[in-house]
Amino acid sequence: MKCAAHPDIETKLRCGKCGKPICPQCLVQTPVGARCAECARLQKLPTFSMTNRYYLRAIAAATGMAFACGAAWWAIGHLAYFNFLLAAGFGYGIGEVVGLSVNRKRSRRLAIIAGASVVAGYLISVFPPWGVGFRWFSIPGLVVDLLAVALGVWIAVSRVK
């Protein structure tokens, strides 16, 4: 027998579904045996199947959450170690809203969107667009803030990745 896809290769293998001759290069191992590529129909899981429409919804949700969390963070103020609690809560909230906006789908791009939203929320709290001036920080306070933002990004990413 010759392989259906590679006529120069002899084989004794057949697809377990349609019976077409296949060579070891063509065979796809499935839980029910060896199959040809057409019968195996390798597809992504629906959870990881994303379209541009889902990404636009995620970006819209993340942008809204970044402004809401940034305004809340600005209103509460940057209170040293309380920032860890705020960043963790905002990261969780942003991750949940982004996840809900795309029907709980998962992808690396969604993780990037959610993480960038946490960073944007922090930047909005430091440089508010409504005209109130920049808040000056000490170097230790800035380090604590950046560690808190890193925690928030990690939590947001873990919710959608």
C-alpha atoms as a PDB file:
ATOM      1  CA  MET A   1       0.000   0.000   0.000  1.00  0.00           C
ATOM      2  CA  LYS A   2       1.083   3.572  -0.660  1.00  0.00           C
ATOM      3  CA  CYS A   3       0.244   6.505   1.611  1.00  0.00           C
ATOM      4  CA  ALA A   4      -2.641   8.614   0.302  1.00  0.00           C
ATOM      5  CA  ALA A   5      -0.774  11.888   0.919  1.00  0.00           C
ATOM      6  CA  HIS A   6       2.756  10.636   0.134  1.00  0.00           C
ATOM      7  CA  PRO A   7       2.574   8.211  -2.835  1.00  0.00           C
ATOM      8  CA  ASP A   8       6.299   7.430  -2.642  1.00  0.00           C
ATOM      9  CA  ILE A   9       6.060   5.972   0.915  1.00  0.00           C
ATOM     10  CA  GLU A  10       4.908   2.394   1.491  1.00  0.00           C
ATOM     11  CA  THR A  11       2.848   1.759   4.617  1.00  0.00           C
ATOM     12  CA  LYS A  12       0.744  -0.838   6.370  1.00  0.00           C
ATOM     13  CA  LEU A  13      -1.121   1.737   8.493  1.00  0.00           C
ATOM     14  CA  ARG A  14      -4.718   2.750   7.869  1.00  0.00           C
ATOM     15  CA  CYS A  15      -6.931   5.437   9.365  1.00  0.00           C
ATOM     16  CA  GLY A  16      -9.050   3.914  12.130  1.00  0.00           C
ATOM     17  CA  LYS A  17     -12.144   5.788  10.883  1.00  0.00           C
ATOM     18  CA  CYS A  18     -12.120   5.937   7.081  1.00  0.00           C
ATOM     19  CA  GLY A  19      -9.540   3.225   6.305  1.00  0.00           C
ATOM     20  CA  LYS A  20      -7.375   5.481   4.118  1.00  0.00           C
ATOM     21  CA  PRO A  21      -3.698   4.379   3.973  1.00  0.00           C
ATOM     22  CA  ILE A  22      -1.496   6.711   6.042  1.00  0.00           C
ATOM     23  CA  CYS A  23       2.232   6.844   6.735  1.00  0.00           C
ATOM     24  CA  PRO A  24       3.795   7.658  10.141  1.00  0.00           C
ATOM     25  CA  GLN A  25       4.250  11.289   9.016  1.00  0.00           C
ATOM     26  CA  CYS A  26       0.523  11.691   8.309  1.00  0.00           C
ATOM     27  CA  LEU A  27      -0.907   9.842  11.268  1.00  0.00           C
ATOM     28  CA  VAL A  28      -2.503  11.743  14.121  1.00  0.00           C
ATOM     29  CA  GLN A  29      -2.672   9.817  17.384  1.00  0.00           C
ATOM     30  CA  THR A  30      -6.090  10.243  19.024  1.00  0.00           C
ATOM     31  CA  PRO A  31      -7.602   8.627  22.131  1.00  0.00           C
ATOM     32  CA  VAL A  32      -9.397   6.120  19.883  1.00  0.00           C
ATOM     33  CA  GLY A  33      -6.406   5.236  17.699  1.00  0.00           C
ATOM     34  CA  ALA A  34      -4.498   6.452  14.662  1.00  0.00           C
ATOM     35  CA  ARG A  35      -6.404   8.740  12.313  1.00  0.00           C
ATOM     36  CA  CYS A  36      -5.710  10.704   9.152  1.00  0.00           C
ATOM     37  CA  ALA A  37      -5.636  14.510   9.474  1.00  0.00           C
ATOM     38  CA  GLU A  38      -9.131  14.886   7.973  1.00  0.00           C
ATOM     39  CA  CYS A  39     -10.729  12.436  10.396  1.00  0.00           C
ATOM     40  CA  ALA A  40      -8.832  13.758  13.444  1.00  0.00           C
ATOM     41  CA  ARG A  41     -10.001  17.354  12.793  1.00  0.00           C
ATOM     42  CA  LEU A  42      -7.579  19.011  15.173  1.00  0.00           C
ATOM     43  CA  GLN A  43      -9.195  22.177  16.524  1.00  0.00           C
ATOM     44  CA  LYS A  44      -8.592  24.584  19.348  1.00  0.00           C
ATOM     45  CA  LEU A  45     -10.804  24.267  22.375  1.00  0.00           C
ATOM     46  CA  PRO A  46     -13.650  26.811  22.268  1.00  0.00           C
ATOM     47  CA  THR A  47     -12.299  28.391  25.459  1.00  0.00           C
ATOM     48  CA  PHE A  48      -9.140  29.448  23.603  1.00  0.00           C
ATOM     49  CA  SER A  49     -10.818  30.362  20.300  1.00  0.00           C
ATOM     50  CA  MET A  50     -10.832  34.173  20.086  1.00  0.00           C
ATOM     51  CA  THR A  51     -12.020  36.564  17.393  1.00  0.00           C
ATOM     52  CA  ASN A  52     -11.332  40.269  16.947  1.00  0.00           C
ATOM     53  CA  ARG A  53     -14.797  41.060  18.305  1.00  0.00           C
ATOM     54  CA  TYR A  54     -13.883  39.463  21.644  1.00  0.00           C
ATOM     55  CA  TYR A  55     -10.648  41.452  21.795  1.00  0.00           C
ATOM     56  CA  LEU A  56     -12.526  44.710  21.145  1.00  0.00           C
ATOM     57  CA  ARG A  57     -14.969  43.887  23.948  1.00  0.00           C
ATOM     58  CA  ALA A  58     -12.067  43.080  26.269  1.00  0.00           C
ATOM     59  CA  ILE A  59     -10.290  46.353  25.421  1.00  0.00           C
ATOM     60  CA  ALA A  60     -13.474  48.350  26.029  1.00  0.00           C
ATOM     61  CA  ALA A  61     -14.082  46.649  29.382  1.00  0.00           C
ATOM     62  CA  ALA A  62     -10.437  47.033  30.424  1.00  0.00           C
ATOM     63  CA  THR A  63     -10.400  50.725  29.486  1.00  0.00           C
ATOM     64  CA  GLY A  64     -13.526  51.418  31.522  1.00  0.00           C
ATOM     65  CA  MET A  65     -12.146  49.510  34.484  1.00  0.00           C
ATOM     66  CA  ALA A  66      -8.786  51.301  34.239  1.00  0.00           C
ATOM     67  CA  PHE A  67     -10.506  54.685  34.512  1.00  0.00           C
ATOM     68  CA  ALA A  68     -12.805  53.537  37.327  1.00  0.00           C
ATOM     69  CA  CYS A  69      -9.982  51.924  39.325  1.00  0.00           C
ATOM     70  CA  GLY A  70      -7.634  54.838  38.659  1.00  0.00           C
ATOM     71  CA  ALA A  71     -10.211  57.350  39.876  1.00  0.00           C
ATOM     72  CA  ALA A  72     -10.916  55.250  42.966  1.00  0.00           C
ATOM     73  CA  TRP A  73      -7.205  54.859  43.667  1.00  0.00           C
ATOM     74  CA  TRP A  74      -6.713  58.607  43.280  1.00  0.00           C
ATOM     75  CA  ALA A  75      -9.666  59.356  45.597  1.00  0.00           C
ATOM     76  CA  ILE A  76      -8.483  56.932  48.284  1.00  0.00           C
ATOM     77  CA  GLY A  77      -4.895  58.050  47.979  1.00  0.00           C
ATOM     78  CA  HIS A  78      -1.600  56.222  47.973  1.00  0.00           C
ATOM     79  CA  LEU A  79      -1.332  54.998  51.532  1.00  0.00           C
ATOM     80  CA  ALA A  80       1.919  53.029  51.685  1.00  0.00           C
ATOM     81  CA  TYR A  81       1.186  49.349  52.301  1.00  0.00           C
ATOM     82  CA  PHE A  82      -2.575  49.788  51.816  1.00  0.00           C
ATOM     83  CA  ASN A  83      -1.682  50.008  48.119  1.00  0.00           C
ATOM     84  CA  PHE A  84      -1.057  46.255  48.100  1.00  0.00           C
ATOM     85  CA  LEU A  85      -4.652  45.630  49.127  1.00  0.00           C
ATOM     86  CA  LEU A  86      -5.959  48.180  46.617  1.00  0.00           C
ATOM     87  CA  ALA A  87      -3.851  46.824  43.756  1.00  0.00           C
ATOM     88  CA  ALA A  88      -4.864  43.246  44.537  1.00  0.00           C
ATOM     89  CA  GLY A  89      -8.540  44.198  44.608  1.00  0.00           C
ATOM     90  CA  PHE A  90      -8.299  46.234  41.417  1.00  0.00           C
ATOM     91  CA  GLY A  91      -6.361  43.451  39.686  1.00  0.00           C
ATOM     92  CA  TYR A  92      -9.001  40.920  40.671  1.00  0.00           C
ATOM     93  CA  GLY A  93     -11.822  43.213  39.577  1.00  0.00           C
ATOM     94  CA  ILE A  94     -10.226  44.039  36.238  1.00  0.00           C
ATOM     95  CA  GLY A  95      -9.467  40.379  35.555  1.00  0.00           C
ATOM     96  CA  GLU A  96     -13.042  39.370  36.372  1.00  0.00           C
ATOM     97  CA  VAL A  97     -14.646  42.099  34.248  1.00  0.00           C
ATOM     98  CA  VAL A  98     -12.384  41.339  31.273  1.00  0.00           C
ATOM     99  CA  GLY A  99     -13.105  37.620  31.663  1.00  0.00           C
ATOM    100  CA  LEU A 100     -16.856  38.198  31.845  1.00  0.00           C
ATOM    101  CA  SER A 101     -16.776  40.507  28.817  1.00  0.00           C
ATOM    102  CA  VAL A 102     -15.434  37.664  26.648  1.00  0.00           C
ATOM    103  CA  ASN A 103     -17.543  34.839  28.110  1.00  0.00           C
ATOM    104  CA  ARG A 104     -14.675  33.456  30.218  1.00  0.00           C
ATOM    105  CA  LYS A 105     -12.427  32.789  27.239  1.00  0.00           C
ATOM    106  CA  ARG A 106      -8.680  32.636  27.799  1.00  0.00           C
ATOM    107  CA  SER A 107      -5.654  33.829  25.848  1.00  0.00           C
ATOM    108  CA  ARG A 108      -2.289  35.472  26.263  1.00  0.00           C
ATOM    109  CA  ARG A 109      -3.531  38.629  24.582  1.00  0.00           C
ATOM    110  CA  LEU A 110      -6.326  38.894  27.133  1.00  0.00           C
ATOM    111  CA  ALA A 111      -3.700  38.610  29.857  1.00  0.00           C
ATOM    112  CA  ILE A 112      -1.769  41.477  28.266  1.00  0.00           C
ATOM    113  CA  ILE A 113      -4.937  43.580  28.042  1.00  0.00           C
ATOM    114  CA  ALA A 114      -5.823  42.948  31.696  1.00  0.00           C
ATOM    115  CA  GLY A 115      -2.286  43.601  32.935  1.00  0.00           C
ATOM    116  CA  ALA A 116      -2.011  46.814  30.923  1.00  0.00           C
ATOM    117  CA  SER A 117      -5.323  47.941  32.378  1.00  0.00           C
ATOM    118  CA  VAL A 118      -3.961  47.645  35.934  1.00  0.00           C
ATOM    119  CA  VAL A 119      -0.892  49.673  34.949  1.00  0.00           C
ATOM    120  CA  ALA A 120      -3.116  52.261  33.233  1.00  0.00           C
ATOM    121  CA  GLY A 121      -5.280  52.499  36.353  1.00  0.00           C
ATOM    122  CA  TYR A 122      -2.206  53.224  38.461  1.00  0.00           C
ATOM    123  CA  LEU A 123      -0.979  55.848  35.991  1.00  0.00           C
ATOM    124  CA  ILE A 124      -4.408  57.504  36.022  1.00  0.00           C
ATOM    125  CA  SER A 125      -4.250  57.659  39.815  1.00  0.00           C
ATOM    126  CA  VAL A 126      -0.827  59.319  39.680  1.00  0.00           C
ATOM    127  CA  PHE A 127      -1.418  61.591  36.648  1.00  0.00           C
ATOM    128  CA  PRO A 128      -5.191  62.208  36.738  1.00  0.00           C
ATOM    129  CA  PRO A 129      -6.632  63.482  33.432  1.00  0.00           C
ATOM    130  CA  TRP A 130      -9.141  65.733  35.214  1.00  0.00           C
ATOM    131  CA  GLY A 131      -6.475  68.333  35.895  1.00  0.00           C
ATOM    132  CA  VAL A 132      -5.453  67.775  39.493  1.00  0.00           C
ATOM    133  CA  GLY A 133      -1.682  67.833  39.741  1.00  0.00           C
ATOM    134  CA  PHE A 134       0.815  65.037  39.983  1.00  0.00           C
ATOM    135  CA  ARG A 135       1.401  63.584  43.451  1.00  0.00           C
ATOM    136  CA  TRP A 136       5.042  63.514  44.437  1.00  0.00           C
ATOM    137  CA  PHE A 137       6.357  60.368  46.046  1.00  0.00           C
ATOM    138  CA  SER A 138       9.457  59.388  47.878  1.00  0.00           C
ATOM    139  CA  ILE A 139      11.656  56.681  46.379  1.00  0.00           C
ATOM    140  CA  PRO A 140      10.614  54.048  48.980  1.00  0.00           C
ATOM    141  CA  GLY A 141       6.969  54.976  48.411  1.00  0.00           C
ATOM    142  CA  LEU A 142       7.425  54.590  44.654  1.00  0.00           C
ATOM    143  CA  VAL A 143       9.034  51.168  45.125  1.00  0.00           C
ATOM    144  CA  VAL A 144       6.109  50.049  47.287  1.00  0.00           C
ATOM    145  CA  ASP A 145       3.671  51.363  44.660  1.00  0.00           C
ATOM    146  CA  LEU A 146       5.451  49.513  41.859  1.00  0.00           C
ATOM    147  CA  LEU A 147       5.455  46.279  43.851  1.00  0.00           C
ATOM    148  CA  ALA A 148       1.742  46.750  44.517  1.00  0.00           C
ATOM    149  CA  VAL A 149       1.089  47.331  40.806  1.00  0.00           C
ATOM    150  CA  ALA A 150       3.079  44.175  40.002  1.00  0.00           C
ATOM    151  CA  LEU A 151       0.849  42.245  42.407  1.00  0.00           C
ATOM    152  CA  GLY A 152      -2.259  43.695  40.761  1.00  0.00           C
ATOM    153  CA  VAL A 153      -0.982  42.798  37.281  1.00  0.00           C
ATOM    154  CA  TRP A 154      -0.205  39.257  38.404  1.00  0.00           C
ATOM    155  CA  ILE A 155      -3.704  38.786  39.829  1.00  0.00           C
ATOM    156  CA  ALA A 156      -5.397  40.279  36.751  1.00  0.00           C
ATOM    157  CA  VAL A 157      -3.339  38.086  34.417  1.00  0.00           C
ATOM    158  CA  SER A 158      -4.070  34.956  36.429  1.00  0.00           C
ATOM    159  CA  ARG A 159      -7.814  35.614  36.063  1.00  0.00           C
ATOM    160  CA  VAL A 160      -7.753  35.565  32.234  1.00  0.00           C
ATOM    161  CA  LYS A 161      -4.771  33.432  31.227  1.00  0.00           C
END
